[in-house]
Every structure is written in structure tokens, then in C-alpha cells.
């Protein structure tokens, strides 16, 4: 393939656990994609190999991410605030661990302002498709995840999703179930809407499968202007999903 027929893709949050998988998989498919990554620190850049295609920038500072977004065709947003456990929790004593967000890294700053900055910069740069990976549970303001560190993380993620849906840019919003550090490509994937999957036994998914669906959504018109929940059947039940066009064709919800 000539470079002009390849898609230039930026993965933000490329130092995170799901972002690393998406970045590496795109790099492995250099016949189809020209890959870039965005990380927050030089340490994260080194952690994923330190290649020249990894940019260092802070999504909370819009000026610092402009150069990474210039000239890309598609953006995969995998940035997220991460709650940390307060020190001193002893599981032997029972009770629940307490969580906090570091100063400046609350969901409002990362999942709302940081994602809005990315969407705005992508729109200004003429990006043709944005894939945003969020979480299931956003229809319930009282979801337990919102109480972690008083961060209201799902509320801010949902606000960013709505901002993307209103932006006019072709989008794919993937609301993933509970993320597992397991091998991908071995399970039947399930799509849903409005958190219906949270009422079933199948509400988790390997990070590797989320990364794969993010990449596959770049290839099909059926994935554009769609928002969906994503989970997987347990390994060994059902048929591993290979036909992504058919998967995206099941989805009718725009938000």
C-alpha cells in the first residue's frame, strides 16, 4: 500500500493498559496504518518503546496536544482518570478500601476537559473519525464507580461522549464493560445499549478485545455515528467474533 492509502491514527492514553495494546496492534499492521501515540510523560514514552511516533503531551493543556493531532485521519481516545487506593487498607480487617484522585487528575479534568480538548483539536485539524472508549454504567448517576474518590467519573465520561456526538465529526463511542487483563480474540463479543448488559451475567471484556474493536471500527461505515455497550461471553461459550462488520451492523443507537 502507498502511504496515501494508509490511515494515520493517533492513540491517546497510549501508555495505559488498553492504550498500549491498541498502539502496538496498529504498529503491527503497518500495511494499513501509520500509527502515532500520545502519552503524558517521557517515562510513559519509554515504557512503550520510545519510538519517534510517540508524542508527549498533556490532554488538560490543549496547546500541548496540537502537534500530535495535526495530519491524522482518525483519533482513538483511550485516556481516563485513574482512581488510586488510599494507603493503609488491610483486606484482613474487612471493610472497603478508600480511593482518591491525585490533584489535577480528577475525572472532571481528565475525562471531561481532557477529552473535550482532544475533540476540539481533532475538529480543528479536520480529523475524519473519532473513536472514544468509555465505560458502561453511565445511565445510572448512583453507579458505585461515581462514588470512588467523589469523582463522578461516569458522569464526566458521559458528558464528553455527548460533546463528541454533538460535534459533527463521525464518531464511534464504545462503552466497555469491566476490563480484564486476558487474551483477546477468544470470545464472542456482545453489543448493547443503555446499560442493558449490566443486568446480565456477561458484563466484562478483555482489554485486548476493546482495543481490537476500537481499531476495527475505523474500517467500517457501519461503525460511524454509533454508540454502544460492549461485553463478551465467557471464553468457550459462543463463537469468537471475527466478522466486525456484522457486529457493528447490529447497532442502531446513535447515543
Protein backbone atom coordinates (compact mmCIF):
# COMPACT_ATOMS: atom_id res chain seq x y z
CA UNK A 1 0.00 0.00 0.00
CA UNK A 2 1.23 3.51 -0.71
CA UNK A 3 1.34 5.90 2.25
CA UNK A 4 -1.52 7.87 0.73
CA UNK A 5 -3.84 4.87 1.06
CA UNK A 6 -2.94 4.22 4.69
CA UNK A 7 -4.89 5.67 7.61
CA UNK A 8 -2.89 7.81 10.05
CA UNK A 9 -4.18 7.03 13.54
CA UNK A 10 -3.36 8.62 16.89
CA UNK A 11 -3.95 6.61 20.08
CA UNK A 12 -4.14 8.85 23.14
CA UNK A 13 -3.54 7.27 26.51
CA UNK A 14 -1.06 5.02 24.69
CA UNK A 15 0.80 4.39 27.95
CA UNK A 16 -2.28 2.94 29.65
CA UNK A 17 -3.11 -0.75 29.77
CA UNK A 18 -5.66 -0.71 26.94
CA UNK A 19 -3.88 2.07 25.05
CA UNK A 20 -0.65 0.10 24.89
CA UNK A 21 -2.45 -2.82 23.25
CA UNK A 22 -4.16 -0.59 20.66
CA UNK A 23 -0.91 1.24 19.86
CA UNK A 24 1.06 -1.98 19.41
CA UNK A 25 -1.61 -3.66 17.28
CA UNK A 26 -1.79 -0.69 14.94
CA UNK A 27 2.01 -0.73 14.63
CA UNK A 28 1.88 -4.43 13.72
CA UNK A 29 -0.47 -3.54 10.83
CA UNK A 30 1.86 -1.07 9.16
CA UNK A 31 0.49 -2.11 5.77
CA UNK A 32 -2.77 -0.32 6.67
CA UNK A 33 -1.96 2.23 9.35
CA UNK A 34 0.54 4.94 10.14
CA UNK A 35 0.49 4.94 13.93
CA UNK A 36 1.08 7.65 16.49
CA UNK A 37 0.77 7.55 20.26
CA UNK A 38 0.24 10.28 22.83
CA UNK A 39 1.45 9.84 26.41
CA UNK A 40 1.67 12.26 29.33
CA UNK A 41 5.25 11.72 30.46
CA UNK A 42 8.66 10.82 28.97
CA UNK A 43 8.61 7.78 31.30
CA UNK A 44 5.44 6.50 29.63
CA UNK A 45 7.02 7.05 26.23
CA UNK A 46 9.99 4.88 27.21
CA UNK A 47 7.65 2.24 28.66
CA UNK A 48 6.06 1.68 25.24
CA UNK A 49 9.33 1.65 23.32
CA UNK A 50 10.24 5.32 23.00
CA UNK A 51 9.63 5.50 19.24
CA UNK A 52 9.62 8.84 17.44
CA UNK A 53 5.93 8.37 16.66
CA UNK A 54 5.07 8.72 20.37
CA UNK A 55 4.31 12.31 21.34
CA UNK A 56 4.42 13.61 24.90
CA UNK A 57 1.61 16.00 25.81
CA UNK A 58 -0.98 16.71 28.48
CA UNK A 59 -4.60 16.48 27.32
CA UNK A 60 -5.54 19.03 30.00
CA UNK A 61 -3.41 21.59 28.13
CA UNK A 62 -4.80 21.89 24.62
CA UNK A 63 -1.68 23.59 23.23
CA UNK A 64 0.47 20.59 24.15
CA UNK A 65 -1.50 18.10 22.02
CA UNK A 66 -1.91 20.06 18.78
CA UNK A 67 1.25 18.74 17.12
CA UNK A 68 0.27 15.11 17.82
CA UNK A 69 -3.15 15.61 16.20
CA UNK A 70 -2.02 17.53 13.12
CA UNK A 71 -2.22 15.44 9.97
CA UNK A 72 -4.06 12.43 11.40
CA UNK A 73 -7.11 10.80 9.81
CA UNK A 74 -8.50 9.13 12.92
CA UNK A 75 -8.25 9.50 16.69
CA UNK A 76 -8.72 6.73 19.26
CA UNK A 77 -9.26 8.26 22.70
CA UNK A 78 -8.16 5.90 25.47
CA UNK A 79 -7.39 8.46 28.16
CA UNK A 80 -9.09 8.11 31.53
CA UNK A 81 -8.74 9.32 35.08
CA UNK A 82 -7.48 6.53 37.34
CA UNK A 83 -8.55 6.28 40.99
CA UNK A 84 -5.82 5.27 43.42
CA UNK A 85 -6.29 3.29 46.60
CA UNK A 86 -5.57 5.16 49.82
CA UNK A 87 -2.63 3.60 51.67
CA UNK A 88 -3.27 1.60 54.80
CA UNK A 89 -6.09 -0.67 53.59
CA UNK A 90 -5.83 -4.12 55.15
CA UNK A 91 -8.12 -6.70 53.50
CA UNK A 92 -7.72 -8.92 56.56
CA UNK A 93 -9.60 -6.36 58.64
CA UNK A 94 -12.59 -6.29 56.33
CA UNK A 95 -14.23 -3.08 55.26
CA UNK A 96 -13.79 -1.41 51.90
CA UNK A 97 -10.74 0.30 50.52
CA UNK A 98 -10.97 4.05 50.01
CA UNK A 99 -9.93 5.70 46.77
CA UNK A 100 -8.73 9.13 45.73
CA UNK A 101 -7.70 11.01 42.61
CA UNK A 102 -4.45 12.92 42.51
CA UNK A 103 -4.68 16.71 42.37
CA UNK A 104 -5.26 17.83 38.81
CA UNK A 105 -6.20 14.32 37.71
CA UNK A 106 -9.86 14.21 38.70
CA UNK A 107 -12.39 12.87 36.17
CA UNK A 108 -13.67 16.39 35.52
CA UNK A 109 -10.18 17.41 34.40
CA UNK A 110 -9.22 14.24 32.53
CA UNK A 111 -12.46 12.68 31.28
CA UNK A 112 -14.28 15.92 30.57
CA UNK A 113 -11.85 18.80 29.91
CA UNK A 114 -9.12 16.49 28.59
CA UNK A 115 -11.44 14.69 26.19
CA UNK A 116 -13.11 17.94 25.11
CA UNK A 117 -9.66 19.35 24.32
CA UNK A 118 -8.91 16.32 22.16
CA UNK A 119 -12.23 16.57 20.30
CA UNK A 120 -11.78 20.30 19.71
CA UNK A 121 -8.21 19.87 18.43
CA UNK A 122 -9.28 17.00 16.18
CA UNK A 123 -12.15 19.04 14.74
CA UNK A 124 -9.80 21.97 14.06
CA UNK A 125 -7.36 19.61 12.33
CA UNK A 126 -10.02 18.06 10.08
CA UNK A 127 -9.90 14.59 11.62
CA UNK A 128 -12.36 12.28 9.86
CA UNK A 129 -13.28 9.82 12.64
CA UNK A 130 -13.01 9.76 16.44
CA UNK A 131 -13.32 6.56 18.45
CA UNK A 132 -13.97 7.25 22.14
CA UNK A 133 -13.71 4.42 24.66
CA UNK A 134 -15.78 4.93 27.79
CA UNK A 135 -17.49 2.71 30.33
CA UNK A 136 -20.84 1.08 30.86
CA UNK A 137 -22.87 2.40 33.78
CA UNK A 138 -23.34 5.97 32.61
CA UNK A 139 -27.14 5.82 32.66
CA UNK A 140 -27.09 5.47 36.47
CA UNK A 141 -25.99 8.60 38.35
CA UNK A 142 -25.80 6.48 41.51
CA UNK A 143 -23.46 3.89 39.99
CA UNK A 144 -20.83 2.84 42.57
CA UNK A 145 -18.00 3.95 40.28
CA UNK A 146 -19.18 7.56 40.66
CA UNK A 147 -18.55 7.44 44.42
CA UNK A 148 -14.88 6.45 44.04
CA UNK A 149 -12.89 9.42 45.31
CA UNK A 150 -16.04 11.55 44.88
CA UNK A 151 -15.01 11.75 41.24
CA UNK A 152 -18.34 11.14 39.45
CA UNK A 153 -16.25 9.52 36.74
CA UNK A 154 -19.11 8.06 34.70
CA UNK A 155 -20.99 11.37 34.73
CA UNK A 156 -17.98 13.22 33.28
CA UNK A 157 -17.32 10.47 30.73
CA UNK A 158 -20.93 10.67 29.59
CA UNK A 159 -20.68 14.45 29.23
CA UNK A 160 -17.66 14.02 26.94
CA UNK A 161 -19.49 11.38 24.92
CA UNK A 162 -22.38 13.76 24.39
CA UNK A 163 -19.96 16.50 23.35
CA UNK A 164 -18.44 14.19 20.75
CA UNK A 165 -21.86 13.10 19.47
CA UNK A 166 -22.80 16.78 19.04
CA UNK A 167 -19.51 17.73 17.36
CA UNK A 168 -20.44 16.80 13.81
CA UNK A 169 -17.36 14.59 13.44
CA UNK A 170 -18.03 10.94 12.52
CA UNK A 171 -17.71 9.07 15.81
CA UNK A 172 -17.83 5.65 17.43
CA UNK A 173 -18.50 5.58 21.18
CA UNK A 174 -17.59 2.29 22.85
CA UNK A 175 -18.81 1.84 26.42
CA UNK A 176 -16.83 -1.12 27.66
CA UNK A 177 -17.79 -3.45 30.48
CA UNK A 178 -15.43 -4.41 33.30
CA UNK A 179 -11.95 -4.67 31.80
CA UNK A 180 -9.99 -7.90 32.14
CA UNK A 181 -6.29 -8.46 31.53
CA UNK A 182 -6.89 -11.58 29.43
CA UNK A 183 -6.06 -12.67 25.92
CA UNK A 184 -8.24 -11.25 23.16
CA UNK A 185 -9.86 -12.84 20.14
CA UNK A 186 -11.17 -15.87 22.04
CA UNK A 187 -14.68 -14.72 22.94
CA UNK A 188 -17.98 -13.88 21.35
CA UNK A 189 -18.50 -10.15 21.69
CA UNK A 190 -21.83 -8.66 22.69
CA UNK A 191 -23.14 -5.19 21.93
CA UNK A 192 -25.99 -3.46 23.73
CA UNK A 193 -27.34 -0.07 24.72
CA UNK A 194 -28.46 1.84 27.80
CA UNK A 195 -26.55 -0.47 30.16
CA UNK A 196 -28.86 -3.43 29.46
CA UNK A 197 -25.84 -5.76 29.58
CA UNK A 198 -25.22 -4.79 33.22
CA UNK A 199 -28.33 -6.80 34.09
CA UNK A 200 -26.85 -9.98 32.59
CA UNK A 201 -24.07 -12.36 33.55
CA UNK A 202 -21.89 -11.06 30.71
CA UNK A 203 -20.65 -7.61 31.67
CA UNK A 204 -16.88 -7.94 31.39
CA UNK A 205 -14.48 -7.94 28.44
CA UNK A 206 -10.74 -8.37 27.88
CA UNK A 207 -8.85 -5.12 27.27
CA UNK A 208 -7.40 -6.70 24.14
CA UNK A 209 -10.88 -7.11 22.66
CA UNK A 210 -11.73 -3.47 23.44
CA UNK A 211 -8.53 -2.41 21.67
CA UNK A 212 -9.41 -4.59 18.67
CA UNK A 213 -12.96 -3.23 18.37
CA UNK A 214 -11.53 0.31 18.55
CA UNK A 215 -9.26 -0.43 15.60
CA UNK A 216 -11.86 -2.36 13.62
CA UNK A 217 -14.34 0.49 13.93
CA UNK A 218 -12.01 2.58 11.74
CA UNK A 219 -12.63 0.22 8.84
CA UNK A 220 -16.43 0.12 8.56
CA UNK A 221 -19.04 2.73 7.74
CA UNK A 222 -21.38 0.63 9.91
CA UNK A 223 -19.42 1.79 13.00
CA UNK A 224 -19.83 5.52 12.36
CA UNK A 225 -22.31 7.69 14.25
CA UNK A 226 -22.91 4.82 16.65
CA UNK A 227 -22.68 4.40 20.43
CA UNK A 228 -22.82 1.01 22.10
CA UNK A 229 -22.06 -1.03 25.18
CA UNK A 230 -19.50 -3.80 24.71
CA UNK A 231 -19.01 -7.01 26.67
CA UNK A 232 -18.13 -10.62 25.94
CA UNK A 233 -19.34 -14.10 26.65
CA UNK A 234 -17.03 -16.27 28.75
CA UNK A 235 -14.26 -17.99 26.82
CA UNK A 236 -15.53 -21.31 25.49
CA UNK A 237 -19.19 -20.29 25.23
CA UNK A 238 -20.35 -18.88 21.93
CA UNK A 239 -18.24 -18.34 18.81
CA UNK A 240 -15.29 -15.93 18.87
CA UNK A 241 -16.23 -12.77 16.96
CA UNK A 242 -14.41 -12.40 13.64
CA UNK A 243 -16.96 -10.53 11.50
CA UNK A 244 -16.78 -6.96 12.78
CA UNK A 245 -18.95 -5.55 10.02
CA UNK A 246 -21.77 -7.80 11.22
CA UNK A 247 -21.11 -6.77 14.83
CA UNK A 248 -21.35 -3.05 14.00
CA UNK A 249 -24.41 -3.66 11.82
CA UNK A 250 -26.33 -4.84 14.91
CA UNK A 251 -26.02 -1.39 16.47
CA UNK A 252 -28.72 1.20 15.83
CA UNK A 253 -28.22 3.65 18.71
CA UNK A 254 -26.56 6.97 17.91
CA UNK A 255 -26.12 7.69 21.61
